[in-house]
Every structure is written in C-alpha cells, then in structure tokens.
Amino acid sequence: MNAPITHNCAQGSDEWRALRAKYLTASEASAANGESQYQKRSDLIKAKATGIVADVSDSTQYLFDKGHQAEAAARPIVEAQLG
C-alpha cells in the first residue's frame, strides 16, 4: 500500500481549494465509499470530473466552521499524545 501524501495548507486557502479540485481528499472518503449522509458518491464523482462544486449554504458553512473549531481544539491534544 502506498503511503498517504500529506500537504500543509490551511483549510479554505487557495492552495487547499486547488488540492481538493485535483485530488480525492480524506474528508471525501465517506462519499467516495458511498457512506456519506451529506454527499452522494455520484455527486462527488461528477464534481471531480467537471470541476463544478455546489455552493455552500450559510447553514452548511456554519457546520464547517464548527468542525474546523473542533479540529483545531483537538489537534494539540493528539499532537501531545503522539509526541
């Protein structure tokens, strides 16, 4: 199995958007496996093939922001555990 490729870029940055447009990212794994409650696999494939991504509603952006806050809060804890 190939080692995962990691990139160090801020979520929401232009570099991050370019990566998501070109590659399947970890946050899309559940949709790619047909297991996401938020995105159909066929919609993910269509977005990757066409480059057309649906607009994000205010309510969805709110959920994204809360998730980003939770990730930021958890990151130092996990980093300390991993050394």
N, C-alpha and C. Protein backbone atom coordinates (compact mmCIF):
# COMPACT_ATOMS: atom_id res chain seq x y z
N MET A 1 0.84 -1.18 0.00
CA MET A 1 0.00 0.00 0.00
C MET A 1 0.88 1.24 0.00
N ASN A 2 0.51 2.23 -0.77
CA ASN A 2 1.29 3.47 -0.83
C ASN A 2 1.06 4.30 0.43
N ALA A 3 2.11 4.99 0.85
CA ALA A 3 2.00 5.89 1.99
C ALA A 3 1.12 7.07 1.60
N PRO A 4 0.32 7.57 2.54
CA PRO A 4 -0.52 8.73 2.22
C PRO A 4 0.35 9.95 1.92
N ILE A 5 -0.15 10.78 1.05
CA ILE A 5 0.51 12.03 0.73
C ILE A 5 -0.14 13.12 1.57
N THR A 6 0.66 13.91 2.24
CA THR A 6 0.11 14.99 3.05
C THR A 6 0.55 16.33 2.49
N HIS A 7 -0.27 17.32 2.73
CA HIS A 7 0.02 18.69 2.31
C HIS A 7 -0.23 19.60 3.50
N ASN A 8 0.59 20.59 3.66
CA ASN A 8 0.45 21.52 4.76
C ASN A 8 -0.11 22.84 4.23
N CYS A 9 -1.43 22.92 4.21
CA CYS A 9 -2.06 24.16 3.77
C CYS A 9 -3.31 24.39 4.61
N ALA A 10 -3.66 25.64 4.78
CA ALA A 10 -4.80 25.99 5.62
C ALA A 10 -6.11 25.69 4.90
N GLN A 11 -7.06 25.13 5.67
CA GLN A 11 -8.37 24.89 5.10
C GLN A 11 -8.96 26.21 4.63
N GLY A 12 -9.54 26.17 3.44
CA GLY A 12 -10.17 27.36 2.88
C GLY A 12 -9.23 28.21 2.04
N SER A 13 -7.93 27.92 2.08
CA SER A 13 -6.98 28.71 1.30
C SER A 13 -7.07 28.33 -0.18
N ASP A 14 -6.50 29.16 -1.02
CA ASP A 14 -6.50 28.87 -2.46
C ASP A 14 -5.76 27.56 -2.75
N GLU A 15 -4.65 27.32 -2.03
CA GLU A 15 -3.90 26.08 -2.22
C GLU A 15 -4.76 24.87 -1.84
N TRP A 16 -5.50 24.99 -0.74
CA TRP A 16 -6.40 23.92 -0.28
C TRP A 16 -7.48 23.63 -1.32
N ARG A 17 -8.08 24.71 -1.86
CA ARG A 17 -9.12 24.53 -2.88
C ARG A 17 -8.55 23.83 -4.13
N ALA A 18 -7.34 24.20 -4.51
CA ALA A 18 -6.71 23.58 -5.68
C ALA A 18 -6.45 22.09 -5.44
N LEU A 19 -6.02 21.74 -4.24
CA LEU A 19 -5.80 20.33 -3.91
C LEU A 19 -7.11 19.55 -3.96
N ARG A 20 -8.15 20.10 -3.38
CA ARG A 20 -9.44 19.42 -3.37
C ARG A 20 -10.02 19.28 -4.77
N ALA A 21 -9.72 20.23 -5.63
CA ALA A 21 -10.23 20.14 -7.00
C ALA A 21 -9.52 19.04 -7.78
N LYS A 22 -8.27 18.80 -7.47
CA LYS A 22 -7.46 17.86 -8.25
C LYS A 22 -7.44 16.45 -7.66
N TYR A 23 -7.52 16.33 -6.34
CA TYR A 23 -7.34 15.04 -5.67
C TYR A 23 -8.55 14.67 -4.81
N LEU A 24 -8.70 13.39 -4.57
CA LEU A 24 -9.65 12.91 -3.59
C LEU A 24 -8.99 13.09 -2.23
N THR A 25 -9.66 13.80 -1.35
CA THR A 25 -9.08 14.07 -0.03
C THR A 25 -9.75 13.23 1.04
N ALA A 26 -9.13 13.16 2.20
CA ALA A 26 -9.62 12.32 3.29
C ALA A 26 -11.05 12.67 3.69
N SER A 27 -11.39 13.94 3.66
CA SER A 27 -12.73 14.33 4.07
C SER A 27 -13.80 13.87 3.08
N GLU A 28 -13.37 13.43 1.90
CA GLU A 28 -14.32 12.94 0.89
C GLU A 28 -14.40 11.41 0.87
N ALA A 29 -13.67 10.76 1.77
CA ALA A 29 -13.61 9.29 1.76
C ALA A 29 -14.98 8.66 1.97
N SER A 30 -15.77 9.19 2.88
CA SER A 30 -17.08 8.58 3.12
C SER A 30 -17.98 8.70 1.90
N ALA A 31 -17.92 9.82 1.20
CA ALA A 31 -18.72 9.97 -0.02
C ALA A 31 -18.20 9.04 -1.11
N ALA A 32 -16.88 8.91 -1.22
CA ALA A 32 -16.28 8.03 -2.22
C ALA A 32 -16.69 6.58 -1.99
N ASN A 33 -16.89 6.23 -0.72
CA ASN A 33 -17.30 4.87 -0.37
C ASN A 33 -18.81 4.69 -0.35
N GLY A 34 -19.54 5.76 -0.69
CA GLY A 34 -20.99 5.68 -0.69
C GLY A 34 -21.60 5.64 0.70
N GLU A 35 -20.88 6.17 1.69
CA GLU A 35 -21.33 6.10 3.08
C GLU A 35 -21.62 7.46 3.71
N SER A 36 -21.58 8.52 2.92
CA SER A 36 -21.80 9.85 3.46
C SER A 36 -23.29 10.17 3.53
N GLN A 37 -23.68 10.80 4.61
CA GLN A 37 -25.06 11.26 4.71
C GLN A 37 -25.22 12.66 4.10
N TYR A 38 -24.10 13.25 3.68
CA TYR A 38 -24.13 14.61 3.17
C TYR A 38 -23.92 14.72 1.66
N GLN A 39 -23.30 13.72 1.05
CA GLN A 39 -23.00 13.78 -0.38
C GLN A 39 -23.08 12.40 -0.99
N LYS A 40 -23.77 12.31 -2.11
CA LYS A 40 -23.85 11.05 -2.84
C LYS A 40 -22.53 10.81 -3.56
N ARG A 41 -22.18 9.54 -3.71
CA ARG A 41 -20.96 9.17 -4.44
C ARG A 41 -21.00 9.71 -5.86
N SER A 42 -22.15 9.60 -6.49
CA SER A 42 -22.28 10.08 -7.88
C SER A 42 -22.06 11.59 -7.97
N ASP A 43 -22.49 12.33 -6.95
CA ASP A 43 -22.26 13.79 -6.95
C ASP A 43 -20.79 14.12 -6.78
N LEU A 44 -20.08 13.34 -5.95
CA LEU A 44 -18.64 13.54 -5.77
C LEU A 44 -17.91 13.26 -7.09
N ILE A 45 -18.26 12.16 -7.73
CA ILE A 45 -17.61 11.81 -9.00
C ILE A 45 -17.87 12.89 -10.04
N LYS A 46 -19.10 13.38 -10.10
CA LYS A 46 -19.45 14.44 -11.06
C LYS A 46 -18.63 15.71 -10.79
N ALA A 47 -18.52 16.07 -9.51
CA ALA A 47 -17.76 17.28 -9.15
C ALA A 47 -16.28 17.13 -9.52
N LYS A 48 -15.72 15.94 -9.27
CA LYS A 48 -14.31 15.71 -9.61
C LYS A 48 -14.10 15.72 -11.12
N ALA A 49 -15.06 15.18 -11.86
CA ALA A 49 -14.93 15.10 -13.32
C ALA A 49 -15.12 16.45 -14.00
N THR A 50 -16.02 17.26 -13.46
CA THR A 50 -16.35 18.52 -14.12
C THR A 50 -15.67 19.74 -13.49
N GLY A 51 -15.26 19.59 -12.23
CA GLY A 51 -14.70 20.74 -11.51
C GLY A 51 -15.76 21.68 -10.98
N ILE A 52 -17.02 21.34 -11.20
CA ILE A 52 -18.12 22.18 -10.72
C ILE A 52 -18.52 21.71 -9.33
N VAL A 53 -18.40 22.62 -8.37
CA VAL A 53 -18.69 22.30 -6.98
C VAL A 53 -19.90 23.13 -6.55
N ALA A 54 -20.82 22.50 -5.84
CA ALA A 54 -22.03 23.20 -5.38
C ALA A 54 -21.66 24.32 -4.42
N ASP A 55 -22.44 25.38 -4.45
CA ASP A 55 -22.26 26.48 -3.50
C ASP A 55 -22.55 25.98 -2.09
N VAL A 56 -21.89 26.58 -1.12
CA VAL A 56 -22.07 26.21 0.28
C VAL A 56 -23.06 27.19 0.90
N SER A 57 -24.14 26.65 1.47
CA SER A 57 -25.14 27.49 2.12
C SER A 57 -24.60 28.03 3.44
N ASP A 58 -25.26 29.04 3.97
CA ASP A 58 -24.84 29.62 5.25
C ASP A 58 -24.91 28.58 6.37
N SER A 59 -25.96 27.75 6.35
CA SER A 59 -26.09 26.75 7.41
C SER A 59 -25.01 25.68 7.30
N THR A 60 -24.65 25.30 6.08
CA THR A 60 -23.58 24.33 5.89
C THR A 60 -22.24 24.94 6.29
N GLN A 61 -22.01 26.20 5.95
CA GLN A 61 -20.77 26.87 6.33
C GLN A 61 -20.65 26.94 7.84
N TYR A 62 -21.76 27.16 8.52
CA TYR A 62 -21.76 27.18 9.99
C TYR A 62 -21.27 25.83 10.53
N LEU A 63 -21.78 24.74 9.95
CA LEU A 63 -21.35 23.40 10.37
C LEU A 63 -19.87 23.18 10.08
N PHE A 64 -19.42 23.63 8.91
CA PHE A 64 -17.99 23.53 8.58
C PHE A 64 -17.15 24.29 9.60
N ASP A 65 -17.57 25.50 9.93
CA ASP A 65 -16.82 26.32 10.89
C ASP A 65 -16.75 25.64 12.25
N LYS A 66 -17.85 25.05 12.70
CA LYS A 66 -17.85 24.34 13.98
C LYS A 66 -16.90 23.14 13.92
N GLY A 67 -16.90 22.43 12.81
CA GLY A 67 -15.99 21.30 12.64
C GLY A 67 -14.54 21.73 12.66
N HIS A 68 -14.24 22.84 12.01
CA HIS A 68 -12.87 23.36 11.99
C HIS A 68 -12.43 23.76 13.40
N GLN A 69 -13.35 24.34 14.17
CA GLN A 69 -13.03 24.71 15.54
C GLN A 69 -12.74 23.46 16.38
N ALA A 70 -13.54 22.43 16.19
CA ALA A 70 -13.33 21.18 16.94
C ALA A 70 -11.99 20.55 16.56
N GLU A 71 -11.66 20.56 15.28
CA GLU A 71 -10.37 20.02 14.83
C GLU A 71 -9.21 20.81 15.45
N ALA A 72 -9.33 22.12 15.44
CA ALA A 72 -8.26 22.96 15.99
C ALA A 72 -8.08 22.71 17.49
N ALA A 73 -9.17 22.49 18.20
CA ALA A 73 -9.09 22.22 19.64
C ALA A 73 -8.49 20.85 19.91
N ALA A 74 -8.79 19.88 19.06
CA ALA A 74 -8.30 18.51 19.26
C ALA A 74 -6.85 18.33 18.83
N ARG A 75 -6.41 19.12 17.86
CA ARG A 75 -5.08 18.94 17.29
C ARG A 75 -3.96 18.95 18.34
N PRO A 76 -3.88 19.94 19.26
CA PRO A 76 -2.78 19.93 20.24
C PRO A 76 -2.84 18.71 21.17
N ILE A 77 -4.03 18.24 21.45
CA ILE A 77 -4.16 17.06 22.33
C ILE A 77 -3.58 15.84 21.64
N VAL A 78 -3.94 15.63 20.39
CA VAL A 78 -3.45 14.48 19.64
C VAL A 78 -1.95 14.60 19.39
N GLU A 79 -1.49 15.81 19.06
CA GLU A 79 -0.06 16.00 18.83
C GLU A 79 0.74 15.68 20.09
N ALA A 80 0.22 16.06 21.26
CA ALA A 80 0.91 15.77 22.52
C ALA A 80 0.94 14.27 22.77
N GLN A 81 -0.15 13.58 22.44
CA GLN A 81 -0.20 12.14 22.63
C GLN A 81 0.76 11.41 21.69
N LEU A 82 0.91 11.93 20.49
CA LEU A 82 1.78 11.30 19.50
C LEU A 82 3.24 11.70 19.65
N GLY A 83 3.48 12.78 20.36
CA GLY A 83 4.85 13.24 20.56
C GLY A 83 5.32 14.00 19.39
